[in-house]
Structure formats: structure tokens, C-alpha cells
């Protein structure tokens, strides 16, 4: 019996099993998670980040999704272009750069202060702290800590 490991389904299975084995080995080698104060808090360039809740609307989400789709398709198209079509590649990249510029100008993903974000969310859903208490009950001032 001659097994061809270059066949896509067989290669997929081999590499999937290999990925799970490597993931398991890495999990065994990793240090156990210790719940330390501030370990999972946002941190940026030496500053503690006090963020509100980011809740993009439909337009913002759609614009970001289209942006990533355009960029992925651009990479795919440029990678498949023959080297003799370099002028077309440059023209295509100029068009893509213009469309990405328009999309970035349209997307305004702002982070509101925490109190405004909580007030907006309380009308839509039950807001719960990390301890499981609903906002407004004991310790409601520390919501989303």
C-alpha cells in the first residue's frame, strides 16, 4: 500500500494531528495561571488604561469587516498576479489604498467613559460585575472591574 502524503485531505489530517500534539505539549510546558491582581487588565505603553465599554454599532462593525475583507483580497490578488503585470498591480494598489482611506475616515470607533457606557448598556441588558453582582446592588460602583 502506497500512501501519498501530498494529497490534500491526508496532509490536512496529518497537520491537524500534529497541531493538536504541539498544542498539548505547549500546554504541559506552560506555567499554571495564577490569578494576580491586574494580570488581565488592559495595559498600554507603561500606562494603566481606564476603558469604557466598546460597543460598535452596525455601521462601524460592517465598515471594519469590509476593511479587513478588502485587505485580505488585496493580498490574495497581488500574490497571484504574474510578474509581467506589475503596472496593473500598482494601479490596483492605488485603488485599494484610496478605498481603505475612505473607510478609515468613515469609521469612528470611540470609547465612551465607563459611566456613559454603563448607562447605555443598562437600558439594553443586565450589567454584571466580575464578582457576579448586578450593577446597582452591593458594589455597583465598581462595575466591569
Protein backbone atom coordinates (compact mmCIF):
# COMPACT_ATOMS: atom_id res chain seq x y z
CA UNK A 1 0.00 0.00 0.00
CA UNK A 2 1.47 3.32 -1.10
CA UNK A 3 0.22 6.38 0.88
CA UNK A 4 0.66 9.75 -0.79
CA UNK A 5 1.10 12.33 1.98
CA UNK A 6 0.88 15.17 -0.56
CA UNK A 7 -2.83 14.54 -1.12
CA UNK A 8 -4.70 17.48 0.47
CA UNK A 9 -7.07 15.50 2.75
CA UNK A 10 -4.26 13.34 4.11
CA UNK A 11 -1.94 16.33 4.56
CA UNK A 12 -4.75 18.20 6.35
CA UNK A 13 -5.30 15.32 8.77
CA UNK A 14 -1.58 14.87 9.42
CA UNK A 15 -1.03 18.56 10.13
CA UNK A 16 -4.20 18.80 12.25
CA UNK A 17 -3.00 15.93 14.44
CA UNK A 18 0.47 17.49 14.59
CA UNK A 19 -1.02 20.85 15.62
CA UNK A 20 -3.02 19.23 18.45
CA UNK A 21 0.05 17.34 19.65
CA UNK A 22 2.16 20.52 19.68
CA UNK A 23 -0.65 22.41 21.43
CA UNK A 24 -0.81 19.71 24.11
CA UNK A 25 2.95 19.77 24.60
CA UNK A 26 2.88 23.55 24.92
CA UNK A 27 0.05 23.37 27.43
CA UNK A 28 2.05 20.95 29.56
CA UNK A 29 5.14 23.19 29.43
CA UNK A 30 3.30 26.42 30.29
CA UNK A 31 3.28 27.77 33.82
CA UNK A 32 -0.09 27.42 35.56
CA UNK A 33 -2.29 30.52 35.55
CA UNK A 34 -2.19 32.42 38.82
CA UNK A 35 -4.90 34.99 39.42
CA UNK A 36 -2.84 38.07 40.24
CA UNK A 37 -4.41 41.50 40.62
CA UNK A 38 -4.12 43.40 37.35
CA UNK A 39 -2.88 40.47 35.27
CA UNK A 40 -5.80 40.56 32.87
CA UNK A 41 -6.29 44.35 32.92
CA UNK A 42 -5.55 46.39 29.80
CA UNK A 43 -2.04 47.86 29.73
CA UNK A 44 -0.54 50.16 27.12
CA UNK A 45 2.99 51.59 26.94
CA UNK A 46 3.50 51.77 30.68
CA UNK A 47 0.07 53.21 31.43
CA UNK A 48 -2.93 51.65 33.07
CA UNK A 49 -5.83 52.01 30.70
CA UNK A 50 -9.21 53.08 32.06
CA UNK A 51 -11.56 51.99 29.32
CA UNK A 52 -15.26 52.20 28.99
CA UNK A 53 -17.18 49.55 27.11
CA UNK A 54 -16.68 49.36 23.38
CA UNK A 55 -19.94 48.57 21.69
CA UNK A 56 -19.69 49.31 17.98
CA UNK A 57 -22.88 49.86 16.08
CA UNK A 58 -23.83 48.03 12.93
CA UNK A 59 -22.22 50.59 10.61
CA UNK A 60 -18.91 50.54 12.50
CA UNK A 61 -18.80 46.74 12.60
CA UNK A 62 -19.71 46.47 8.92
CA UNK A 63 -17.06 49.03 7.93
CA UNK A 64 -14.33 47.22 9.85
CA UNK A 65 -15.39 43.87 8.36
CA UNK A 66 -15.31 45.31 4.84
CA UNK A 67 -11.90 46.86 5.54
CA UNK A 68 -10.40 43.50 6.54
CA UNK A 69 -12.08 41.80 3.58
CA UNK A 70 -10.60 44.33 1.17
CA UNK A 71 -7.13 43.92 2.66
CA UNK A 72 -7.27 40.12 2.55
CA UNK A 73 -8.50 40.05 -1.05
CA UNK A 74 -5.79 42.57 -2.00
CA UNK A 75 -3.06 40.35 -0.61
CA UNK A 76 -4.56 37.36 -2.40
CA UNK A 77 -4.83 39.20 -5.73
CA UNK A 78 -1.31 40.67 -5.57
CA UNK A 79 0.16 37.29 -4.66
CA UNK A 80 -1.47 35.68 -7.71
CA UNK A 81 -0.58 38.43 -10.22
CA UNK A 82 2.09 37.48 -12.73
CA UNK A 83 5.31 39.49 -12.60
CA UNK A 84 4.67 40.86 -16.09
CA UNK A 85 1.57 42.69 -14.80
CA UNK A 86 3.43 44.99 -12.39
CA UNK A 87 1.76 48.13 -13.78
CA UNK A 88 -1.67 46.63 -13.13
CA UNK A 89 -0.59 45.67 -9.61
CA UNK A 90 0.45 49.24 -8.84
CA UNK A 91 -2.81 50.60 -10.27
CA UNK A 92 -4.78 48.08 -8.21
CA UNK A 93 -2.89 49.03 -5.04
CA UNK A 94 -3.63 52.74 -5.61
CA UNK A 95 -7.35 51.97 -5.91
CA UNK A 96 -7.27 49.81 -2.79
CA UNK A 97 -5.35 52.48 -0.85
CA UNK A 98 -7.99 55.06 -1.79
CA UNK A 99 -10.86 52.79 -0.70
CA UNK A 100 -9.11 51.93 2.58
CA UNK A 101 -8.52 55.64 3.21
CA UNK A 102 -12.21 56.36 2.72
CA UNK A 103 -13.21 53.52 5.05
CA UNK A 104 -10.78 54.59 7.77
CA UNK A 105 -12.14 58.13 7.52
CA UNK A 106 -15.70 56.84 7.91
CA UNK A 107 -15.14 54.53 10.88
CA UNK A 108 -15.17 56.43 14.14
CA UNK A 109 -14.86 53.84 16.88
CA UNK A 110 -14.87 55.90 20.04
CA UNK A 111 -14.58 54.59 23.56
CA UNK A 112 -17.06 56.37 25.83
CA UNK A 113 -16.30 56.91 29.52
CA UNK A 114 -17.28 53.99 31.75
CA UNK A 115 -20.30 55.71 33.33
CA UNK A 116 -21.79 56.65 29.94
CA UNK A 117 -21.20 53.17 28.58
CA UNK A 118 -22.87 51.57 31.62
CA UNK A 119 -25.84 53.92 31.39
CA UNK A 120 -26.29 52.99 27.73
CA UNK A 121 -25.94 49.26 28.45
CA UNK A 122 -28.30 49.22 31.43
CA UNK A 123 -31.17 50.14 29.14
CA UNK A 124 -30.39 47.17 26.88
CA UNK A 125 -29.07 44.42 29.15
CA UNK A 126 -28.36 43.45 32.72
CA UNK A 127 -24.83 44.63 33.55
CA UNK A 128 -22.93 42.30 35.87
CA UNK A 129 -19.62 42.89 37.67
CA UNK A 130 -16.74 40.42 37.66
CA UNK A 131 -17.99 39.06 41.01
CA UNK A 132 -21.38 38.28 39.54
CA UNK A 133 -23.33 41.04 41.30
CA UNK A 134 -25.65 43.12 39.15
CA UNK A 135 -24.89 46.84 38.90
CA UNK A 136 -26.97 48.73 41.40
CA UNK A 137 -26.58 46.01 44.04
CA UNK A 138 -23.70 45.98 46.53
CA UNK A 139 -20.51 47.27 44.95
CA UNK A 140 -22.22 48.59 41.82
CA UNK A 141 -19.79 51.50 41.58
CA UNK A 142 -17.05 49.10 40.56
CA UNK A 143 -18.88 47.59 37.60
CA UNK A 144 -16.84 45.86 34.93
CA UNK A 145 -13.66 45.82 37.05
